[in-house]
Amino acid sequence: MTLEGSSPAIIFFILFIIIALAVSYLYGWKMIEKTGLVGSQTFIASIINLFLWASAILGWLLYTIGIDEGLFFGGLVLGAGLFVISETALIITLFLRRDKFMEAYREQYGSVAERE
């Protein structure tokens, strides 16, 4: 289970997982502010993160299929660890910031209710 000799591919793999976290966080943030639904939008953001992680693993499989089986499993372990960390960070961050998101939701739609 070694990852030696594939530094550019590993860097791209890690960056893709970090970008997946950023995309899913931005989705969760904007949709919680727009709809006011914290739990369901956090779930959808988690599914987006899972899908993008699965895409990264598929890309890693296609890259390593002809190189080495140990390289694939090393990257799989690395990716799984990063996925657990990013999923945990996503859920915790969205729930810790829910008050701020809900405040923006109330400001946006509270003024609409006052006009009617």
N, C-alpha and C. Protein backbone atom coordinates (compact mmCIF):
# COMPACT_ATOMS: atom_id res chain seq x y z
N MET A 1 0.83 -1.19 0.00
CA MET A 1 0.00 0.00 0.00
C MET A 1 0.87 1.24 0.00
N THR A 2 1.53 1.42 -1.08
CA THR A 2 2.40 2.58 -1.18
C THR A 2 1.86 3.54 -2.23
N LEU A 3 2.13 4.79 -2.03
CA LEU A 3 1.69 5.80 -2.98
C LEU A 3 2.88 6.50 -3.62
N GLU A 4 4.02 5.86 -3.64
CA GLU A 4 5.23 6.46 -4.18
C GLU A 4 5.18 6.52 -5.70
N GLY A 5 5.74 7.56 -6.26
CA GLY A 5 5.89 7.67 -7.70
C GLY A 5 4.72 8.26 -8.45
N SER A 6 3.68 8.64 -7.77
CA SER A 6 2.50 9.20 -8.44
C SER A 6 2.11 10.54 -7.83
N SER A 7 3.07 11.36 -7.53
CA SER A 7 2.81 12.63 -6.83
C SER A 7 1.81 13.54 -7.55
N PRO A 8 1.93 13.78 -8.86
CA PRO A 8 0.94 14.67 -9.50
C PRO A 8 -0.48 14.08 -9.44
N ALA A 9 -0.60 12.79 -9.61
CA ALA A 9 -1.93 12.17 -9.57
C ALA A 9 -2.51 12.24 -8.16
N ILE A 10 -1.69 12.05 -7.16
CA ILE A 10 -2.16 12.12 -5.78
C ILE A 10 -2.59 13.55 -5.44
N ILE A 11 -1.81 14.52 -5.87
CA ILE A 11 -2.17 15.92 -5.62
C ILE A 11 -3.49 16.27 -6.29
N PHE A 12 -3.67 15.83 -7.54
CA PHE A 12 -4.93 16.07 -8.24
C PHE A 12 -6.09 15.38 -7.53
N PHE A 13 -5.87 14.16 -7.06
CA PHE A 13 -6.88 13.38 -6.35
C PHE A 13 -7.30 14.10 -5.07
N ILE A 14 -6.35 14.56 -4.30
CA ILE A 14 -6.64 15.27 -3.05
C ILE A 14 -7.34 16.60 -3.33
N LEU A 15 -6.87 17.32 -4.34
CA LEU A 15 -7.51 18.59 -4.70
C LEU A 15 -8.96 18.39 -5.14
N PHE A 16 -9.22 17.31 -5.87
CA PHE A 16 -10.59 17.03 -6.31
C PHE A 16 -11.50 16.78 -5.11
N ILE A 17 -11.01 16.07 -4.10
CA ILE A 17 -11.81 15.81 -2.91
C ILE A 17 -12.03 17.10 -2.12
N ILE A 18 -11.04 17.97 -2.06
CA ILE A 18 -11.20 19.26 -1.38
C ILE A 18 -12.19 20.14 -2.14
N ILE A 19 -12.12 20.14 -3.47
CA ILE A 19 -13.07 20.91 -4.27
C ILE A 19 -14.47 20.35 -4.09
N ALA A 20 -14.61 19.03 -3.97
CA ALA A 20 -15.93 18.42 -3.72
C ALA A 20 -16.50 18.92 -2.40
N LEU A 21 -15.66 19.04 -1.38
CA LEU A 21 -16.11 19.57 -0.10
C LEU A 21 -16.58 21.02 -0.26
N ALA A 22 -15.81 21.82 -1.00
CA ALA A 22 -16.17 23.23 -1.18
C ALA A 22 -17.49 23.37 -1.95
N VAL A 23 -17.67 22.57 -2.98
CA VAL A 23 -18.90 22.63 -3.78
C VAL A 23 -20.10 22.23 -2.94
N SER A 24 -19.97 21.15 -2.19
CA SER A 24 -21.11 20.70 -1.37
C SER A 24 -21.40 21.69 -0.25
N TYR A 25 -20.37 22.32 0.32
CA TYR A 25 -20.60 23.33 1.36
C TYR A 25 -21.32 24.55 0.77
N LEU A 26 -20.87 25.01 -0.39
CA LEU A 26 -21.51 26.16 -1.01
C LEU A 26 -22.97 25.87 -1.36
N TYR A 27 -23.23 24.65 -1.83
CA TYR A 27 -24.62 24.28 -2.11
C TYR A 27 -25.44 24.33 -0.82
N GLY A 28 -24.93 23.69 0.23
CA GLY A 28 -25.66 23.68 1.49
C GLY A 28 -25.89 25.08 2.04
N TRP A 29 -24.89 25.91 1.99
CA TRP A 29 -24.97 27.28 2.49
C TRP A 29 -26.04 28.06 1.74
N LYS A 30 -25.96 28.08 0.42
CA LYS A 30 -26.90 28.88 -0.37
C LYS A 30 -28.33 28.34 -0.26
N MET A 31 -28.49 27.03 -0.25
CA MET A 31 -29.84 26.47 -0.23
C MET A 31 -30.48 26.58 1.16
N ILE A 32 -29.68 26.53 2.21
CA ILE A 32 -30.24 26.75 3.55
C ILE A 32 -30.71 28.20 3.66
N GLU A 33 -29.92 29.12 3.14
CA GLU A 33 -30.34 30.53 3.16
C GLU A 33 -31.57 30.77 2.30
N LYS A 34 -31.71 30.01 1.23
CA LYS A 34 -32.84 30.21 0.32
C LYS A 34 -34.12 29.54 0.80
N THR A 35 -33.99 28.30 1.36
CA THR A 35 -35.19 27.55 1.74
C THR A 35 -35.47 27.56 3.23
N GLY A 36 -34.43 27.70 4.05
CA GLY A 36 -34.61 27.65 5.49
C GLY A 36 -34.66 26.23 6.04
N LEU A 37 -34.41 25.23 5.20
CA LEU A 37 -34.44 23.84 5.63
C LEU A 37 -33.01 23.36 5.88
N VAL A 38 -32.66 23.17 7.14
CA VAL A 38 -31.28 22.84 7.47
C VAL A 38 -31.01 21.35 7.26
N GLY A 39 -31.84 20.50 7.82
CA GLY A 39 -31.59 19.06 7.78
C GLY A 39 -31.60 18.49 6.39
N SER A 40 -32.61 18.81 5.62
CA SER A 40 -32.71 18.23 4.28
C SER A 40 -31.63 18.77 3.35
N GLN A 41 -31.29 20.04 3.46
CA GLN A 41 -30.25 20.59 2.59
C GLN A 41 -28.86 20.08 2.99
N THR A 42 -28.66 19.81 4.28
CA THR A 42 -27.41 19.20 4.71
C THR A 42 -27.29 17.79 4.17
N PHE A 43 -28.40 17.06 4.16
CA PHE A 43 -28.41 15.70 3.60
C PHE A 43 -28.08 15.73 2.11
N ILE A 44 -28.68 16.64 1.38
CA ILE A 44 -28.42 16.75 -0.06
C ILE A 44 -26.96 17.15 -0.31
N ALA A 45 -26.43 18.07 0.49
CA ALA A 45 -25.03 18.46 0.35
C ALA A 45 -24.11 17.27 0.63
N SER A 46 -24.48 16.43 1.59
CA SER A 46 -23.70 15.23 1.89
C SER A 46 -23.73 14.25 0.72
N ILE A 47 -24.88 14.11 0.08
CA ILE A 47 -24.99 13.22 -1.07
C ILE A 47 -24.16 13.76 -2.24
N ILE A 48 -24.14 15.08 -2.43
CA ILE A 48 -23.30 15.67 -3.47
C ILE A 48 -21.83 15.37 -3.18
N ASN A 49 -21.43 15.50 -1.92
CA ASN A 49 -20.06 15.20 -1.53
C ASN A 49 -19.74 13.72 -1.79
N LEU A 50 -20.67 12.84 -1.47
CA LEU A 50 -20.48 11.41 -1.71
C LEU A 50 -20.35 11.12 -3.20
N PHE A 51 -21.20 11.72 -4.03
CA PHE A 51 -21.13 11.50 -5.47
C PHE A 51 -19.80 11.97 -6.05
N LEU A 52 -19.35 13.14 -5.64
CA LEU A 52 -18.08 13.66 -6.15
C LEU A 52 -16.90 12.83 -5.65
N TRP A 53 -17.00 12.30 -4.43
CA TRP A 53 -15.96 11.41 -3.91
C TRP A 53 -15.94 10.12 -4.73
N ALA A 54 -17.11 9.57 -5.04
CA ALA A 54 -17.18 8.36 -5.86
C ALA A 54 -16.60 8.62 -7.25
N SER A 55 -16.81 9.81 -7.78
CA SER A 55 -16.23 10.17 -9.07
C SER A 55 -14.70 10.22 -8.97
N ALA A 56 -14.20 10.74 -7.87
CA ALA A 56 -12.75 10.79 -7.67
C ALA A 56 -12.17 9.39 -7.55
N ILE A 57 -12.86 8.50 -6.86
CA ILE A 57 -12.39 7.11 -6.72
C ILE A 57 -12.42 6.41 -8.07
N LEU A 58 -13.45 6.67 -8.88
CA LEU A 58 -13.51 6.08 -10.22
C LEU A 58 -12.35 6.58 -11.07
N GLY A 59 -12.07 7.86 -11.00
CA GLY A 59 -10.92 8.41 -11.71
C GLY A 59 -9.62 7.79 -11.23
N TRP A 60 -9.50 7.59 -9.93
CA TRP A 60 -8.30 6.97 -9.37
C TRP A 60 -8.17 5.52 -9.86
N LEU A 61 -9.30 4.80 -9.93
CA LEU A 61 -9.29 3.43 -10.45
C LEU A 61 -8.82 3.42 -11.90
N LEU A 62 -9.37 4.31 -12.71
CA LEU A 62 -8.98 4.34 -14.12
C LEU A 62 -7.52 4.71 -14.31
N TYR A 63 -6.99 5.55 -13.41
CA TYR A 63 -5.58 5.92 -13.49
C TYR A 63 -4.68 4.76 -13.10
N THR A 64 -5.05 4.04 -12.04
CA THR A 64 -4.15 3.02 -11.49
C THR A 64 -4.40 1.62 -12.03
N ILE A 65 -5.38 1.43 -12.89
CA ILE A 65 -5.74 0.09 -13.32
C ILE A 65 -4.58 -0.64 -14.01
N GLY A 66 -3.77 0.07 -14.74
CA GLY A 66 -2.65 -0.58 -15.41
C GLY A 66 -1.32 -0.42 -14.72
N ILE A 67 -1.29 0.29 -13.62
CA ILE A 67 -0.02 0.59 -12.96
C ILE A 67 0.28 -0.42 -11.86
N ASP A 68 -0.54 -0.41 -10.80
CA ASP A 68 -0.25 -1.27 -9.66
C ASP A 68 -1.50 -1.38 -8.80
N GLU A 69 -1.76 -2.59 -8.33
CA GLU A 69 -2.91 -2.82 -7.46
C GLU A 69 -2.71 -2.18 -6.09
N GLY A 70 -1.49 -2.21 -5.60
CA GLY A 70 -1.19 -1.59 -4.31
C GLY A 70 -1.39 -0.09 -4.34
N LEU A 71 -1.08 0.52 -5.47
CA LEU A 71 -1.29 1.95 -5.62
C LEU A 71 -2.77 2.29 -5.56
N PHE A 72 -3.61 1.45 -6.18
CA PHE A 72 -5.05 1.68 -6.13
C PHE A 72 -5.56 1.59 -4.70
N PHE A 73 -5.18 0.54 -3.98
CA PHE A 73 -5.68 0.39 -2.62
C PHE A 73 -5.13 1.45 -1.67
N GLY A 74 -3.91 1.88 -1.89
CA GLY A 74 -3.36 2.99 -1.09
C GLY A 74 -4.14 4.27 -1.31
N GLY A 75 -4.47 4.56 -2.57
CA GLY A 75 -5.28 5.73 -2.88
C GLY A 75 -6.70 5.60 -2.36
N LEU A 76 -7.22 4.37 -2.38
CA LEU A 76 -8.56 4.14 -1.86
C LEU A 76 -8.62 4.41 -0.36
N VAL A 77 -7.61 3.97 0.37
CA VAL A 77 -7.55 4.23 1.81
C VAL A 77 -7.40 5.73 2.06
N LEU A 78 -6.53 6.38 1.30
CA LEU A 78 -6.35 7.83 1.43
C LEU A 78 -7.66 8.55 1.14
N GLY A 79 -8.32 8.18 0.06
CA GLY A 79 -9.58 8.81 -0.32
C GLY A 79 -10.68 8.57 0.71
N ALA A 80 -10.74 7.36 1.25
CA ALA A 80 -11.77 7.07 2.26
C ALA A 80 -11.54 7.89 3.52
N GLY A 81 -10.29 8.02 3.92
CA GLY A 81 -9.98 8.86 5.09
C GLY A 81 -10.34 10.31 4.85
N LEU A 82 -10.00 10.83 3.68
CA LEU A 82 -10.35 12.21 3.35
C LEU A 82 -11.86 12.40 3.24
N PHE A 83 -12.56 11.37 2.74
CA PHE A 83 -14.01 11.47 2.64
C PHE A 83 -14.65 11.55 4.02
N VAL A 84 -14.20 10.72 4.94
CA VAL A 84 -14.76 10.75 6.30
C VAL A 84 -14.50 12.10 6.95
N ILE A 85 -13.30 12.61 6.79
CA ILE A 85 -12.96 13.92 7.36
C ILE A 85 -13.79 15.03 6.72
N SER A 86 -13.92 15.01 5.38
CA SER A 86 -14.66 16.08 4.71
C SER A 86 -16.16 16.00 4.99
N GLU A 87 -16.70 14.80 5.07
CA GLU A 87 -18.12 14.65 5.36
C GLU A 87 -18.42 15.13 6.79
N THR A 88 -17.56 14.78 7.72
CA THR A 88 -17.73 15.24 9.10
C THR A 88 -17.62 16.76 9.19
N ALA A 89 -16.63 17.31 8.52
CA ALA A 89 -16.45 18.77 8.53
C ALA A 89 -17.64 19.48 7.89
N LEU A 90 -18.17 18.92 6.81
CA LEU A 90 -19.32 19.51 6.14
C LEU A 90 -20.53 19.55 7.05
N ILE A 91 -20.86 18.44 7.65
CA ILE A 91 -22.05 18.35 8.51
C ILE A 91 -21.91 19.25 9.73
N ILE A 92 -20.76 19.19 10.39
CA ILE A 92 -20.55 20.00 11.59
C ILE A 92 -20.60 21.48 11.24
N THR A 93 -19.95 21.88 10.16
CA THR A 93 -19.92 23.29 9.78
C THR A 93 -21.31 23.81 9.44
N LEU A 94 -22.07 23.03 8.67
CA LEU A 94 -23.42 23.49 8.30
C LEU A 94 -24.32 23.60 9.53
N PHE A 95 -24.19 22.66 10.46
CA PHE A 95 -25.04 22.74 11.65
C PHE A 95 -24.58 23.82 12.63
N LEU A 96 -23.30 24.08 12.72
CA LEU A 96 -22.83 25.14 13.61
C LEU A 96 -23.18 26.53 13.08
N ARG A 97 -23.25 26.67 11.75
CA ARG A 97 -23.55 27.97 11.16
C ARG A 97 -25.03 28.13 10.80
N ARG A 98 -25.87 27.20 11.23
CA ARG A 98 -27.28 27.24 10.84
C ARG A 98 -27.99 28.49 11.35
N ASP A 99 -27.60 29.00 12.52
CA ASP A 99 -28.24 30.22 13.03
C ASP A 99 -27.97 31.41 12.10
N LYS A 100 -26.74 31.52 11.61
CA LYS A 100 -26.41 32.60 10.68
C LYS A 100 -27.17 32.44 9.37
N PHE A 101 -27.26 31.20 8.87
CA PHE A 101 -27.99 30.95 7.63
C PHE A 101 -29.48 31.25 7.81
N MET A 102 -30.03 30.88 8.94
CA MET A 102 -31.45 31.11 9.19
C MET A 102 -31.73 32.61 9.36
N GLU A 103 -30.77 33.33 9.92
CA GLU A 103 -30.93 34.78 10.05
C GLU A 103 -30.99 35.43 8.67
N ALA A 104 -30.15 34.98 7.75
CA ALA A 104 -30.18 35.50 6.38
C ALA A 104 -31.49 35.11 5.70
N TYR A 105 -31.99 33.92 5.98
CA TYR A 105 -33.29 33.48 5.42
C TYR A 105 -34.41 34.37 5.94
N ARG A 106 -34.41 34.64 7.23
CA ARG A 106 -35.47 35.47 7.82
C ARG A 106 -35.40 36.91 7.30
N GLU A 107 -34.19 37.45 7.12
CA GLU A 107 -34.05 38.80 6.57
C GLU A 107 -34.57 38.87 5.14
N GLN A 108 -34.29 37.83 4.37
CA GLN A 108 -34.70 37.82 2.97
C GLN A 108 -36.21 37.66 2.82
N TYR A 109 -36.78 36.73 3.56
CA TYR A 109 -38.20 36.45 3.38
C TYR A 109 -39.08 37.11 4.43
N GLY A 110 -38.48 37.64 5.49
CA GLY A 110 -39.26 38.40 6.48
C GLY A 110 -39.73 39.71 5.90
N SER A 111 -38.90 40.33 5.07
CA SER A 111 -39.29 41.61 4.45
C SER A 111 -40.39 41.40 3.42
N VAL A 112 -40.45 40.22 2.79
CA VAL A 112 -41.52 39.93 1.85
C VAL A 112 -42.84 39.78 2.59
N ALA A 113 -42.81 39.14 3.75
CA ALA A 113 -44.03 38.94 4.52
C ALA A 113 -44.55 40.26 5.08
N GLU A 114 -43.65 41.19 5.40
CA GLU A 114 -44.08 42.48 5.92
C GLU A 114 -44.74 43.34 4.86
N ARG A 115 -44.38 43.16 3.59
CA ARG A 115 -44.97 43.94 2.51
C ARG A 115 -46.39 43.51 2.21
N GLU A 116 -46.72 42.27 2.51
CA GLU A 116 -48.05 41.76 2.16
C GLU A 116 -49.09 42.09 3.16
